[in-house]
Amino acid sequence: MSEVTIYHNPNCGTSRSTLALLREKGLEPTVIEYVKSGWTQAQLQDLLARMDVRARDILRVNGTNADALGLTDPGASDEALIAAMMVEPILVNRPIVVTAKGAALCRPAELVLGLI
C-alpha cells in the first residue's frame, strides 16, 4: 500500500488507538505530531479539501480555548478558524489520517479501516 500519514496527538486516547489499529494491520504510517510541528495554511486547506469538510468540522472545542476565541460562534469564518488553528494547533481535532483512498478525522478510531 502507498504511504499512510497520521496527524497524531500522543496525549489523545483515540489518536493512540488509531495509530495502534494501523500498526495491527501491518502499516507503519508517517506520524506527524501536529501539536509540536504546527500547521500551515496550505496543509489545513489541503486536508479540508481531501476530507470535503469545512474548518468548523475539525475544530476541537473540548479542552481548548475555542469558545473564548469566538471560534464556536456560527458566524466565525473558515479563514478565522484556519488562522487560529495555525496559531494554536491543538484546536484541530484528531487524529486525521491520509491514505491513497482519502482522508478523514478518525473519531472513532475504527473509521480508519475505510481508508486502508
PDB file of N, CA and C in Angstrom:
ATOM      1  N   MET A   1       0.848  -1.187   0.000  1.00  0.00           N
ATOM      2  CA  MET A   1       0.000   0.000   0.000  1.00  0.00           C
ATOM      3  C   MET A   1       0.882   1.234   0.000  1.00  0.00           C
ATOM      4  N   SER A   2       0.361   2.299  -0.577  1.00  0.00           N
ATOM      5  CA  SER A   2       1.102   3.549  -0.589  1.00  0.00           C
ATOM      6  C   SER A   2       1.145   4.142   0.817  1.00  0.00           C
ATOM      7  N   GLU A   3       1.770   5.251   0.927  1.00  0.00           N
ATOM      8  CA  GLU A   3       2.029   5.874   2.216  1.00  0.00           C
ATOM      9  C   GLU A   3       0.755   6.229   2.977  1.00  0.00           C
ATOM     10  N   VAL A   4       0.854   6.082   4.288  1.00  0.00           N
ATOM     11  CA  VAL A   4      -0.209   6.457   5.206  1.00  0.00           C
ATOM     12  C   VAL A   4       0.377   7.499   6.152  1.00  0.00           C
ATOM     13  N   THR A   5      -0.361   8.575   6.369  1.00  0.00           N
ATOM     14  CA  THR A   5       0.066   9.623   7.289  1.00  0.00           C
ATOM     15  C   THR A   5      -1.002   9.797   8.343  1.00  0.00           C
ATOM     16  N   ILE A   6      -0.568   9.918   9.597  1.00  0.00           N
ATOM     17  CA  ILE A   6      -1.490  10.210  10.684  1.00  0.00           C
ATOM     18  C   ILE A   6      -1.038  11.492  11.370  1.00  0.00           C
ATOM     19  N   TYR A   7      -1.959  12.436  11.466  1.00  0.00           N
ATOM     20  CA  TYR A   7      -1.743  13.651  12.241  1.00  0.00           C
ATOM     21  C   TYR A   7      -2.198  13.295  13.645  1.00  0.00           C
ATOM     22  N   HIS A   8      -1.228  13.149  14.520  1.00  0.00           N
ATOM     23  CA  HIS A   8      -1.373  12.433  15.783  1.00  0.00           C
ATOM     24  C   HIS A   8      -1.076  13.322  16.977  1.00  0.00           C
ATOM     25  N   ASN A   9      -1.828  13.086  18.049  1.00  0.00           N
ATOM     26  CA  ASN A   9      -1.530  13.694  19.343  1.00  0.00           C
ATOM     27  C   ASN A   9      -1.387  12.532  20.326  1.00  0.00           C
ATOM     28  N   PRO A  10      -0.165  12.265  20.796  1.00  0.00           N
ATOM     29  CA  PRO A  10       0.040  11.115  21.674  1.00  0.00           C
ATOM     30  C   PRO A  10      -0.680  11.222  23.020  1.00  0.00           C
ATOM     31  N   ASN A  11      -1.188  12.395  23.356  1.00  0.00           N
ATOM     32  CA  ASN A  11      -1.931  12.570  24.602  1.00  0.00           C
ATOM     33  C   ASN A  11      -3.404  12.194  24.459  1.00  0.00           C
ATOM     34  N   CYS A  12      -3.822  11.839  23.258  1.00  0.00           N
ATOM     35  CA  CYS A  12      -5.228  11.524  22.974  1.00  0.00           C
ATOM     36  C   CYS A  12      -5.410  10.017  22.830  1.00  0.00           C
ATOM     37  N   GLY A  13      -6.331   9.464  23.591  1.00  0.00           N
ATOM     38  CA  GLY A  13      -6.603   8.033  23.535  1.00  0.00           C
ATOM     39  C   GLY A  13      -7.088   7.574  22.170  1.00  0.00           C
ATOM     40  N   THR A  14      -7.960   8.347  21.524  1.00  0.00           N
ATOM     41  CA  THR A  14      -8.454   7.971  20.204  1.00  0.00           C
ATOM     42  C   THR A  14      -7.322   7.981  19.182  1.00  0.00           C
ATOM     43  N   SER A  15      -6.444   8.956  19.301  1.00  0.00           N
ATOM     44  CA  SER A  15      -5.312   9.040  18.381  1.00  0.00           C
ATOM     45  C   SER A  15      -4.374   7.846  18.584  1.00  0.00           C
ATOM     46  N   ARG A  16      -4.105   7.501  19.832  1.00  0.00           N
ATOM     47  CA  ARG A  16      -3.261   6.332  20.118  1.00  0.00           C
ATOM     48  C   ARG A  16      -3.911   5.054  19.604  1.00  0.00           C
ATOM     49  N   SER A  17      -5.227   4.929  19.776  1.00  0.00           N
ATOM     50  CA  SER A  17      -5.942   3.740  19.303  1.00  0.00           C
ATOM     51  C   SER A  17      -5.896   3.630  17.783  1.00  0.00           C
ATOM     52  N   THR A  18      -6.030   4.743  17.112  1.00  0.00           N
ATOM     53  CA  THR A  18      -5.989   4.749  15.649  1.00  0.00           C
ATOM     54  C   THR A  18      -4.609   4.336  15.159  1.00  0.00           C
ATOM     55  N   LEU A  19      -3.569   4.876  15.760  1.00  0.00           N
ATOM     56  CA  LEU A  19      -2.203   4.505  15.394  1.00  0.00           C
ATOM     57  C   LEU A  19      -1.972   3.015  15.647  1.00  0.00           C
ATOM     58  N   ALA A  20      -2.444   2.505  16.783  1.00  0.00           N
ATOM     59  CA  ALA A  20      -2.292   1.086  17.092  1.00  0.00           C
ATOM     60  C   ALA A  20      -3.037   0.219  16.073  1.00  0.00           C
ATOM     61  N   LEU A  21      -4.212   0.646  15.666  1.00  0.00           N
ATOM     62  CA  LEU A  21      -5.006  -0.105  14.690  1.00  0.00           C
ATOM     63  C   LEU A  21      -4.290  -0.162  13.336  1.00  0.00           C
ATOM     64  N   LEU A  22      -3.705   0.945  12.923  1.00  0.00           N
ATOM     65  CA  LEU A  22      -2.935   0.944  11.678  1.00  0.00           C
ATOM     66  C   LEU A  22      -1.786  -0.054  11.764  1.00  0.00           C
ATOM     67  N   ARG A  23      -1.092  -0.037  12.897  1.00  0.00           N
ATOM     68  CA  ARG A  23       0.047  -0.941  13.073  1.00  0.00           C
ATOM     69  C   ARG A  23      -0.406  -2.395  13.146  1.00  0.00           C
ATOM     70  N   GLU A  24      -1.561  -2.648  13.767  1.00  0.00           N
ATOM     71  CA  GLU A  24      -2.097  -4.017  13.810  1.00  0.00           C
ATOM     72  C   GLU A  24      -2.381  -4.538  12.408  1.00  0.00           C
ATOM     73  N   LYS A  25      -2.704  -3.631  11.494  1.00  0.00           N
ATOM     74  CA  LYS A  25      -2.997  -4.003  10.106  1.00  0.00           C
ATOM     75  C   LYS A  25      -1.725  -4.076   9.266  1.00  0.00           C
ATOM     76  N   GLY A  26      -0.567  -3.982   9.924  1.00  0.00           N
ATOM     77  CA  GLY A  26       0.705  -4.130   9.230  1.00  0.00           C
ATOM     78  C   GLY A  26       1.222  -2.868   8.563  1.00  0.00           C
ATOM     79  N   LEU A  27       0.655  -1.733   8.922  1.00  0.00           N
ATOM     80  CA  LEU A  27       1.077  -0.460   8.327  1.00  0.00           C
ATOM     81  C   LEU A  27       1.928   0.323   9.321  1.00  0.00           C
ATOM     82  N   GLU A  28       2.950   0.973   8.818  1.00  0.00           N
ATOM     83  CA  GLU A  28       3.756   1.865   9.652  1.00  0.00           C
ATOM     84  C   GLU A  28       3.629   3.267   9.051  1.00  0.00           C
ATOM     85  N   PRO A  29       2.679   4.030   9.580  1.00  0.00           N
ATOM     86  CA  PRO A  29       2.404   5.337   8.998  1.00  0.00           C
ATOM     87  C   PRO A  29       3.483   6.365   9.332  1.00  0.00           C
ATOM     88  N   THR A  30       3.511   7.416   8.522  1.00  0.00           N
ATOM     89  CA  THR A  30       4.270   8.605   8.875  1.00  0.00           C
ATOM     90  C   THR A  30       3.469   9.290   9.968  1.00  0.00           C
ATOM     91  N   VAL A  31       4.099   9.514  11.110  1.00  0.00           N
ATOM     92  CA  VAL A  31       3.414  10.106  12.256  1.00  0.00           C
ATOM     93  C   VAL A  31       3.833  11.565  12.377  1.00  0.00           C
ATOM     94  N   ILE A  32       2.859  12.439  12.303  1.00  0.00           N
ATOM     95  CA  ILE A  32       3.120  13.870  12.457  1.00  0.00           C
ATOM     96  C   ILE A  32       2.441  14.331  13.739  1.00  0.00           C
ATOM     97  N   GLU A  33       3.257  14.685  14.714  1.00  0.00           N
ATOM     98  CA  GLU A  33       2.721  15.221  15.969  1.00  0.00           C
ATOM     99  C   GLU A  33       2.461  16.705  15.750  1.00  0.00           C
ATOM    100  N   TYR A  34       1.268  16.986  15.254  1.00  0.00           N
ATOM    101  CA  TYR A  34       0.942  18.328  14.787  1.00  0.00           C
ATOM    102  C   TYR A  34       0.947  19.383  15.877  1.00  0.00           C
ATOM    103  N   VAL A  35       0.763  18.990  17.140  1.00  0.00           N
ATOM    104  CA  VAL A  35       0.810  19.982  18.216  1.00  0.00           C
ATOM    105  C   VAL A  35       2.230  20.539  18.331  1.00  0.00           C
ATOM    106  N   LYS A  36       3.223  19.694  18.064  1.00  0.00           N
ATOM    107  CA  LYS A  36       4.625  20.132  18.090  1.00  0.00           C
ATOM    108  C   LYS A  36       5.018  20.835  16.795  1.00  0.00           C
ATOM    109  N   SER A  37       4.626  20.259  15.662  1.00  0.00           N
ATOM    110  CA  SER A  37       5.083  20.784  14.368  1.00  0.00           C
ATOM    111  C   SER A  37       4.266  21.971  13.877  1.00  0.00           C
ATOM    112  N   GLY A  38       3.024  22.070  14.338  1.00  0.00           N
ATOM    113  CA  GLY A  38       2.153  23.146  13.890  1.00  0.00           C
ATOM    114  C   GLY A  38       1.562  22.875  12.518  1.00  0.00           C
ATOM    115  N   TRP A  39       0.798  23.823  12.051  1.00  0.00           N
ATOM    116  CA  TRP A  39       0.105  23.722  10.771  1.00  0.00           C
ATOM    117  C   TRP A  39       0.462  24.905   9.895  1.00  0.00           C
ATOM    118  N   THR A  40       0.397  24.689   8.598  1.00  0.00           N
ATOM    119  CA  THR A  40       0.446  25.801   7.655  1.00  0.00           C
ATOM    120  C   THR A  40      -0.951  25.959   7.072  1.00  0.00           C
ATOM    121  N   GLN A  41      -1.200  27.103   6.510  1.00  0.00           N
ATOM    122  CA  GLN A  41      -2.489  27.329   5.872  1.00  0.00           C
ATOM    123  C   GLN A  41      -2.692  26.332   4.733  1.00  0.00           C
ATOM    124  N   ALA A  42      -1.635  26.104   3.962  1.00  0.00           N
ATOM    125  CA  ALA A  42      -1.738  25.168   2.836  1.00  0.00           C
ATOM    126  C   ALA A  42      -2.058  23.759   3.305  1.00  0.00           C
ATOM    127  N   GLN A  43      -1.424  23.316   4.396  1.00  0.00           N
ATOM    128  CA  GLN A  43      -1.707  21.963   4.930  1.00  0.00           C
ATOM    129  C   GLN A  43      -3.178  21.838   5.307  1.00  0.00           C
ATOM    130  N   LEU A  44      -3.659  22.808   6.071  1.00  0.00           N
ATOM    131  CA  LEU A  44      -5.047  22.737   6.530  1.00  0.00           C
ATOM    132  C   LEU A  44      -6.021  22.793   5.363  1.00  0.00           C
ATOM    133  N   GLN A  45      -5.780  23.682   4.419  1.00  0.00           N
ATOM    134  CA  GLN A  45      -6.679  23.775   3.270  1.00  0.00           C
ATOM    135  C   GLN A  45      -6.660  22.489   2.451  1.00  0.00           C
ATOM    136  N   ASP A  46      -5.478  21.884   2.307  1.00  0.00           N
ATOM    137  CA  ASP A  46      -5.379  20.622   1.576  1.00  0.00           C
ATOM    138  C   ASP A  46      -6.156  19.521   2.285  1.00  0.00           C
ATOM    139  N   LEU A  47      -5.982  19.402   3.594  1.00  0.00           N
ATOM    140  CA  LEU A  47      -6.698  18.371   4.352  1.00  0.00           C
ATOM    141  C   LEU A  47      -8.203  18.589   4.279  1.00  0.00           C
ATOM    142  N   LEU A  48      -8.644  19.829   4.426  1.00  0.00           N
ATOM    143  CA  LEU A  48     -10.077  20.119   4.356  1.00  0.00           C
ATOM    144  C   LEU A  48     -10.638  19.733   2.989  1.00  0.00           C
ATOM    145  N   ALA A  49      -9.899  20.037   1.933  1.00  0.00           N
ATOM    146  CA  ALA A  49     -10.351  19.679   0.585  1.00  0.00           C
ATOM    147  C   ALA A  49     -10.393  18.169   0.413  1.00  0.00           C
ATOM    148  N   ARG A  50      -9.381  17.459   0.889  1.00  0.00           N
ATOM    149  CA  ARG A  50      -9.356  15.998   0.765  1.00  0.00           C
ATOM    150  C   ARG A  50     -10.516  15.355   1.523  1.00  0.00           C
ATOM    151  N   MET A  51     -10.854  15.928   2.680  1.00  0.00           N
ATOM    152  CA  MET A  51     -11.926  15.373   3.503  1.00  0.00           C
ATOM    153  C   MET A  51     -13.298  15.895   3.088  1.00  0.00           C
ATOM    154  N   ASP A  52     -13.310  16.934   2.238  1.00  0.00           N
ATOM    155  CA  ASP A  52     -14.542  17.573   1.801  1.00  0.00           C
ATOM    156  C   ASP A  52     -15.362  18.060   2.998  1.00  0.00           C
ATOM    157  N   VAL A  53     -14.664  18.792   3.885  1.00  0.00           N
ATOM    158  CA  VAL A  53     -15.303  19.359   5.073  1.00  0.00           C
ATOM    159  C   VAL A  53     -14.875  20.816   5.215  1.00  0.00           C
ATOM    160  N   ARG A  54     -15.514  21.504   6.125  1.00  0.00           N
ATOM    161  CA  ARG A  54     -15.149  22.878   6.452  1.00  0.00           C
ATOM    162  C   ARG A  54     -14.296  22.867   7.718  1.00  0.00           C
ATOM    163  N   ALA A  55     -13.627  23.961   7.969  1.00  0.00           N
ATOM    164  CA  ALA A  55     -12.752  24.065   9.143  1.00  0.00           C
ATOM    165  C   ALA A  55     -13.521  23.786  10.433  1.00  0.00           C
ATOM    166  N   ARG A  56     -14.761  24.230  10.490  1.00  0.00           N
ATOM    167  CA  ARG A  56     -15.578  24.003  11.691  1.00  0.00           C
ATOM    168  C   ARG A  56     -15.736  22.506  11.999  1.00  0.00           C
ATOM    169  N   ASP A  57     -15.706  21.676  10.954  1.00  0.00           N
ATOM    170  CA  ASP A  57     -15.888  20.231  11.124  1.00  0.00           C
ATOM    171  C   ASP A  57     -14.704  19.555  11.812  1.00  0.00           C
ATOM    172  N   ILE A  58     -13.545  20.210  11.822  1.00  0.00           N
ATOM    173  CA  ILE A  58     -12.383  19.625  12.500  1.00  0.00           C
ATOM    174  C   ILE A  58     -11.947  20.453  13.705  1.00  0.00           C
ATOM    175  N   LEU A  59     -12.771  21.424  14.102  1.00  0.00           N
ATOM    176  CA  LEU A  59     -12.463  22.267  15.252  1.00  0.00           C
ATOM    177  C   LEU A  59     -12.633  21.485  16.542  1.00  0.00           C
ATOM    178  N   ARG A  60     -11.596  21.478  17.342  1.00  0.00           N
ATOM    179  CA  ARG A  60     -11.679  20.859  18.672  1.00  0.00           C
ATOM    180  C   ARG A  60     -12.094  21.934  19.657  1.00  0.00           C
ATOM    181  N   VAL A  61     -13.174  21.673  20.381  1.00  0.00           N
ATOM    182  CA  VAL A  61     -13.688  22.636  21.352  1.00  0.00           C
ATOM    183  C   VAL A  61     -13.314  22.208  22.772  1.00  0.00           C
ATOM    184  N   ASN A  62     -13.563  20.933  23.104  1.00  0.00           N
ATOM    185  CA  ASN A  62     -13.264  20.447  24.458  1.00  0.00           C
ATOM    186  C   ASN A  62     -11.782  20.564  24.764  1.00  0.00           C
ATOM    187  N   GLY A  63     -11.474  21.124  25.919  1.00  0.00           N
ATOM    188  CA  GLY A  63     -10.092  21.226  26.346  1.00  0.00           C
ATOM    189  C   GLY A  63      -9.287  22.292  25.625  1.00  0.00           C
ATOM    190  N   THR A  64      -9.972  23.183  24.909  1.00  0.00           N
ATOM    191  CA  THR A  64      -9.287  24.268  24.207  1.00  0.00           C
ATOM    192  C   THR A  64      -9.950  25.592  24.579  1.00  0.00           C
ATOM    193  N   ASN A  65      -9.397  26.663  24.057  1.00  0.00           N
ATOM    194  CA  ASN A  65      -9.994  27.978  24.289  1.00  0.00           C
ATOM    195  C   ASN A  65     -10.806  28.448  23.076  1.00  0.00           C
ATOM    196  N   ALA A  66     -11.355  27.511  22.334  1.00  0.00           N
ATOM    197  CA  ALA A  66     -12.134  27.845  21.137  1.00  0.00           C
ATOM    198  C   ALA A  66     -13.295  28.781  21.461  1.00  0.00           C
ATOM    199  N   ASP A  67     -13.998  28.526  22.558  1.00  0.00           N
ATOM    200  CA  ASP A  67     -15.109  29.400  22.950  1.00  0.00           C
ATOM    201  C   ASP A  67     -14.610  30.810  23.224  1.00  0.00           C
ATOM    202  N   ALA A  68     -13.558  30.925  24.033  1.00  0.00           N
ATOM    203  CA  ALA A  68     -13.019  32.232  24.408  1.00  0.00           C
ATOM    204  C   ALA A  68     -12.547  33.022  23.198  1.00  0.00           C
ATOM    205  N   LEU A  69     -12.070  32.319  22.185  1.00  0.00           N
ATOM    206  CA  LEU A  69     -11.601  32.974  20.963  1.00  0.00           C
ATOM    207  C   LEU A  69     -12.738  33.321  19.999  1.00  0.00           C
ATOM    208  N   GLY A  70     -13.964  32.917  20.343  1.00  0.00           N
ATOM    209  CA  GLY A  70     -15.110  33.198  19.480  1.00  0.00           C
ATOM    210  C   GLY A  70     -15.233  32.253  18.301  1.00  0.00           C
ATOM    211  N   LEU A  71     -14.492  31.152  18.334  1.00  0.00           N
ATOM    212  CA  LEU A  71     -14.477  30.239  17.193  1.00  0.00           C
ATOM    213  C   LEU A  71     -15.724  29.367  17.094  1.00  0.00           C
ATOM    214  N   THR A  72     -16.462  29.249  18.192  1.00  0.00           N
ATOM    215  CA  THR A  72     -17.691  28.451  18.166  1.00  0.00           C
ATOM    216  C   THR A  72     -18.888  29.283  17.701  1.00  0.00           C
ATOM    217  N   ASP A  73     -18.689  30.568  17.520  1.00  0.00           N
ATOM    218  CA  ASP A  73     -19.739  31.444  17.001  1.00  0.00           C
ATOM    219  C   ASP A  73     -20.070  30.996  15.576  1.00  0.00           C
ATOM    220  N   PRO A  74     -21.345  30.770  15.279  1.00  0.00           N
ATOM    221  CA  PRO A  74     -21.707  30.314  13.940  1.00  0.00           C
ATOM    222  C   PRO A  74     -21.228  31.249  12.821  1.00  0.00           C
ATOM    223  N   GLY A  75     -20.974  32.495  13.142  1.00  0.00           N
ATOM    224  CA  GLY A  75     -20.517  33.446  12.142  1.00  0.00           C
ATOM    225  C   GLY A  75     -19.016  33.441  11.916  1.00  0.00           C
ATOM    226  N   ALA A  76     -18.274  32.668  12.711  1.00  0.00           N
ATOM    227  CA  ALA A  76     -16.816  32.609  12.543  1.00  0.00           C
ATOM    228  C   ALA A  76     -16.500  31.969  11.192  1.00  0.00           C
ATOM    229  N   SER A  77     -15.689  32.646  10.412  1.00  0.00           N
ATOM    230  CA  SER A  77     -15.386  32.181   9.055  1.00  0.00           C
ATOM    231  C   SER A  77     -14.347  31.063   9.061  1.00  0.00           C
ATOM    232  N   ASP A  78     -14.304  30.315   7.960  1.00  0.00           N
ATOM    233  CA  ASP A  78     -13.260  29.300   7.795  1.00  0.00           C
ATOM    234  C   ASP A  78     -11.881  29.939   7.893  1.00  0.00           C
ATOM    235  N   GLU A  79     -11.730  31.130   7.325  1.00  0.00           N
ATOM    236  CA  GLU A  79     -10.441  31.819   7.361  1.00  0.00           C
ATOM    237  C   GLU A  79     -10.018  32.105   8.798  1.00  0.00           C
ATOM    238  N   ALA A  80     -10.970  32.545   9.628  1.00  0.00           N
ATOM    239  CA  ALA A  80     -10.667  32.824  11.036  1.00  0.00           C
ATOM    240  C   ALA A  80     -10.310  31.539  11.773  1.00  0.00           C
ATOM    241  N   LEU A  81     -11.037  30.468  11.489  1.00  0.00           N
ATOM    242  CA  LEU A  81     -10.753  29.190  12.144  1.00  0.00           C
ATOM    243  C   LEU A  81      -9.374  28.672  11.742  1.00  0.00           C
ATOM    244  N   ILE A  82      -9.058  28.732  10.466  1.00  0.00           N
ATOM    245  CA  ILE A  82      -7.760  28.254   9.990  1.00  0.00           C
ATOM    246  C   ILE A  82      -6.637  29.092  10.594  1.00  0.00           C
ATOM    247  N   ALA A  83      -6.823  30.399  10.650  1.00  0.00           N
ATOM    248  CA  ALA A  83      -5.802  31.274  11.244  1.00  0.00           C
ATOM    249  C   ALA A  83      -5.564  30.905  12.706  1.00  0.00           C
ATOM    250  N   ALA A  84      -6.633  30.649  13.443  1.00  0.00           N
ATOM    251  CA  ALA A  84      -6.496  30.267  14.851  1.00  0.00           C
ATOM    252  C   ALA A  84      -5.823  28.908  14.985  1.00  0.00           C
ATOM    253  N   MET A  85      -6.154  27.965  14.097  1.00  0.00           N
ATOM    254  CA  MET A  85      -5.556  26.635  14.136  1.00  0.00           C
ATOM    255  C   MET A  85      -4.051  26.686  13.867  1.00  0.00           C
ATOM    256  N   MET A  86      -3.627  27.645  13.055  1.00  0.00           N
ATOM    257  CA  MET A  86      -2.194  27.789  12.782  1.00  0.00           C
ATOM    258  C   MET A  86      -1.470  28.329  14.019  1.00  0.00           C
ATOM    259  N   VAL A  87      -2.125  29.201  14.766  1.00  0.00           N
ATOM    260  CA  VAL A  87      -1.525  29.771  15.977  1.00  0.00           C
ATOM    261  C   VAL A  87      -1.557  28.760  17.121  1.00  0.00           C
ATOM    262  N   GLU A  88      -2.679  28.049  17.240  1.00  0.00           N
ATOM    263  CA  GLU A  88      -2.873  27.073  18.320  1.00  0.00           C
ATOM    264  C   GLU A  88      -3.265  25.735  17.705  1.00  0.00           C
ATOM    265  N   PRO A  89      -2.280  24.901  17.368  1.00  0.00           N
ATOM    266  CA  PRO A  89      -2.539  23.631  16.668  1.00  0.00           C
ATOM    267  C   PRO A  89      -3.503  22.699  17.397  1.00  0.00           C
ATOM    268  N   ILE A  90      -3.592  22.807  18.719  1.00  0.00           N
ATOM    269  CA  ILE A  90      -4.472  21.926  19.494  1.00  0.00           C
ATOM    270  C   ILE A  90      -5.944  22.132  19.116  1.00  0.00           C
ATOM    271  N   LEU A  91      -6.253  23.226  18.433  1.00  0.00           N
ATOM    272  CA  LEU A  91      -7.629  23.492  18.014  1.00  0.00           C
ATOM    273  C   LEU A  91      -8.105  22.547  16.911  1.00  0.00           C
ATOM    274  N   VAL A  92      -7.199  21.764  16.337  1.00  0.00           N
ATOM    275  CA  VAL A  92      -7.578  20.790  15.315  1.00  0.00           C
ATOM    276  C   VAL A  92      -7.862  19.460  15.992  1.00  0.00           C
ATOM    277  N   ASN A  93      -9.035  18.920  15.730  1.00  0.00           N
ATOM    278  CA  ASN A  93      -9.397  17.625  16.299  1.00  0.00           C
ATOM    279  C   ASN A  93      -8.530  16.534  15.679  1.00  0.00           C
ATOM    280  N   ARG A  94      -8.412  15.439  16.360  1.00  0.00           N
ATOM    281  CA  ARG A  94      -7.507  14.376  15.925  1.00  0.00           C
ATOM    282  C   ARG A  94      -8.109  13.015  16.206  1.00  0.00           C
ATOM    283  N   PRO A  95      -7.531  12.028  15.567  1.00  0.00           N
ATOM    284  CA  PRO A  95      -6.469  12.025  14.569  1.00  0.00           C
ATOM    285  C   PRO A  95      -7.047  12.184  13.164  1.00  0.00           C
ATOM    286  N   ILE A  96      -6.266  12.778  12.305  1.00  0.00           N
ATOM    287  CA  ILE A  96      -6.608  12.838  10.891  1.00  0.00           C
ATOM    288  C   ILE A  96      -5.653  11.881  10.180  1.00  0.00           C
ATOM    289  N   VAL A  97      -6.218  11.002   9.368  1.00  0.00           N
ATOM    290  CA  VAL A  97      -5.415  10.019   8.639  1.00  0.00           C
ATOM    291  C   VAL A  97      -5.597  10.260   7.146  1.00  0.00           C
ATOM    292  N   VAL A  98      -4.471  10.186   6.426  1.00  0.00           N
ATOM    293  CA  VAL A  98      -4.465  10.379   4.975  1.00  0.00           C
ATOM    294  C   VAL A  98      -3.858   9.140   4.333  1.00  0.00           C
ATOM    295  N   THR A  99      -4.569   8.573   3.353  1.00  0.00           N
ATOM    296  CA  THR A  99      -4.078   7.441   2.566  1.00  0.00           C
ATOM    297  C   THR A  99      -4.412   7.713   1.100  1.00  0.00           C
ATOM    298  N   ALA A 100      -4.040   6.792   0.254  1.00  0.00           N
ATOM    299  CA  ALA A 100      -4.384   6.920  -1.163  1.00  0.00           C
ATOM    300  C   ALA A 100      -5.900   6.901  -1.374  1.00  0.00           C
ATOM    301  N   LYS A 101      -6.638   6.316  -0.439  1.00  0.00           N
ATOM    302  CA  LYS A 101      -8.098   6.242  -0.555  1.00  0.00           C
ATOM    303  C   LYS A 101      -8.797   7.508  -0.090  1.00  0.00           C
ATOM    304  N   GLY A 102      -8.067   8.407   0.576  1.00  0.00           N
ATOM    305  CA  GLY A 102      -8.698   9.634   1.058  1.00  0.00           C
ATOM    306  C   GLY A 102      -8.149  10.073   2.393  1.00  0.00           C
ATOM    307  N   ALA A 103      -8.905  10.929   3.032  1.00  0.00           N
ATOM    308  CA  ALA A 103      -8.513  11.474   4.335  1.00  0.00           C
ATOM    309  C   ALA A 103      -9.753  11.588   5.199  1.00  0.00           C
ATOM    310  N   ALA A 104      -9.560  11.421   6.518  1.00  0.00           N
ATOM    311  CA  ALA A 104     -10.701  11.503   7.427  1.00  0.00           C
ATOM    312  C   ALA A 104     -10.242  11.793   8.839  1.00  0.00           C
ATOM    313  N   LEU A 105     -11.117  12.455   9.570  1.00  0.00           N
ATOM    314  CA  LEU A 105     -10.970  12.580  11.009  1.00  0.00           C
ATOM    315  C   LEU A 105     -11.472  11.257  11.570  1.00  0.00           C
ATOM    316  N   CYS A 106     -10.591  10.516  12.192  1.00  0.00           N
ATOM    317  CA  CYS A 106     -10.919   9.138  12.608  1.00  0.00           C
ATOM    318  C   CYS A 106     -11.365   9.084  14.061  1.00  0.00           C
ATOM    319  N   ARG A 107     -12.563   9.575  14.294  1.00  0.00           N
ATOM    320  CA  ARG A 107     -13.227   9.511  15.587  1.00  0.00           C
ATOM    321  C   ARG A 107     -14.581   8.870  15.340  1.00  0.00           C
ATOM    322  N   PRO A 108     -14.791   7.652  15.719  1.00  0.00           N
ATOM    323  CA  PRO A 108     -13.919   6.735  16.460  1.00  0.00           C
ATOM    324  C   PRO A 108     -12.802   6.165  15.586  1.00  0.00           C
ATOM    325  N   ALA A 109     -11.857   5.532  16.252  1.00  0.00           N
ATOM    326  CA  ALA A 109     -10.660   5.015  15.593  1.00  0.00           C
ATOM    327  C   ALA A 109     -10.986   4.078  14.439  1.00  0.00           C
ATOM    328  N   GLU A 110     -12.066   3.326  14.548  1.00  0.00           N
ATOM    329  CA  GLU A 110     -12.422   2.338  13.529  1.00  0.00           C
ATOM    330  C   GLU A 110     -12.709   2.957  12.162  1.00  0.00           C
ATOM    331  N   LEU A 111     -12.931   4.240  12.109  1.00  0.00           N
ATOM    332  CA  LEU A 111     -13.153   4.902  10.820  1.00  0.00           C
ATOM    333  C   LEU A 111     -11.942   4.770   9.909  1.00  0.00           C
ATOM    334  N   VAL A 112     -10.767   4.553  10.508  1.00  0.00           N
ATOM    335  CA  VAL A 112      -9.552   4.414   9.700  1.00  0.00           C
ATOM    336  C   VAL A 112      -9.630   3.185   8.791  1.00  0.00           C
ATOM    337  N   LEU A 113     -10.410   2.200   9.159  1.00  0.00           N
ATOM    338  CA  LEU A 113     -10.490   0.975   8.350  1.00  0.00           C
ATOM    339  C   LEU A 113     -11.011   1.250   6.945  1.00  0.00           C
ATOM    340  N   GLY A 114     -11.824   2.278   6.791  1.00  0.00           N
ATOM    341  CA  GLY A 114     -12.315   2.643   5.476  1.00  0.00           C
ATOM    342  C   GLY A 114     -11.276   3.318   4.587  1.00  0.00           C
ATOM    343  N   LEU A 115     -10.149   3.657   5.171  1.00  0.00           N
ATOM    344  CA  LEU A 115      -9.076   4.334   4.429  1.00  0.00           C
ATOM    345  C   LEU A 115      -7.941   3.402   4.034  1.00  0.00           C
ATOM    346  N   ILE A 116      -7.978   2.161   4.545  1.00  0.00           N
ATOM    347  CA  ILE A 116      -6.849   1.260   4.263  1.00  0.00           C
ATOM    348  C   ILE A 116      -7.296   0.066   3.417  1.00  0.00           C
TER     349      ILE A 116
END
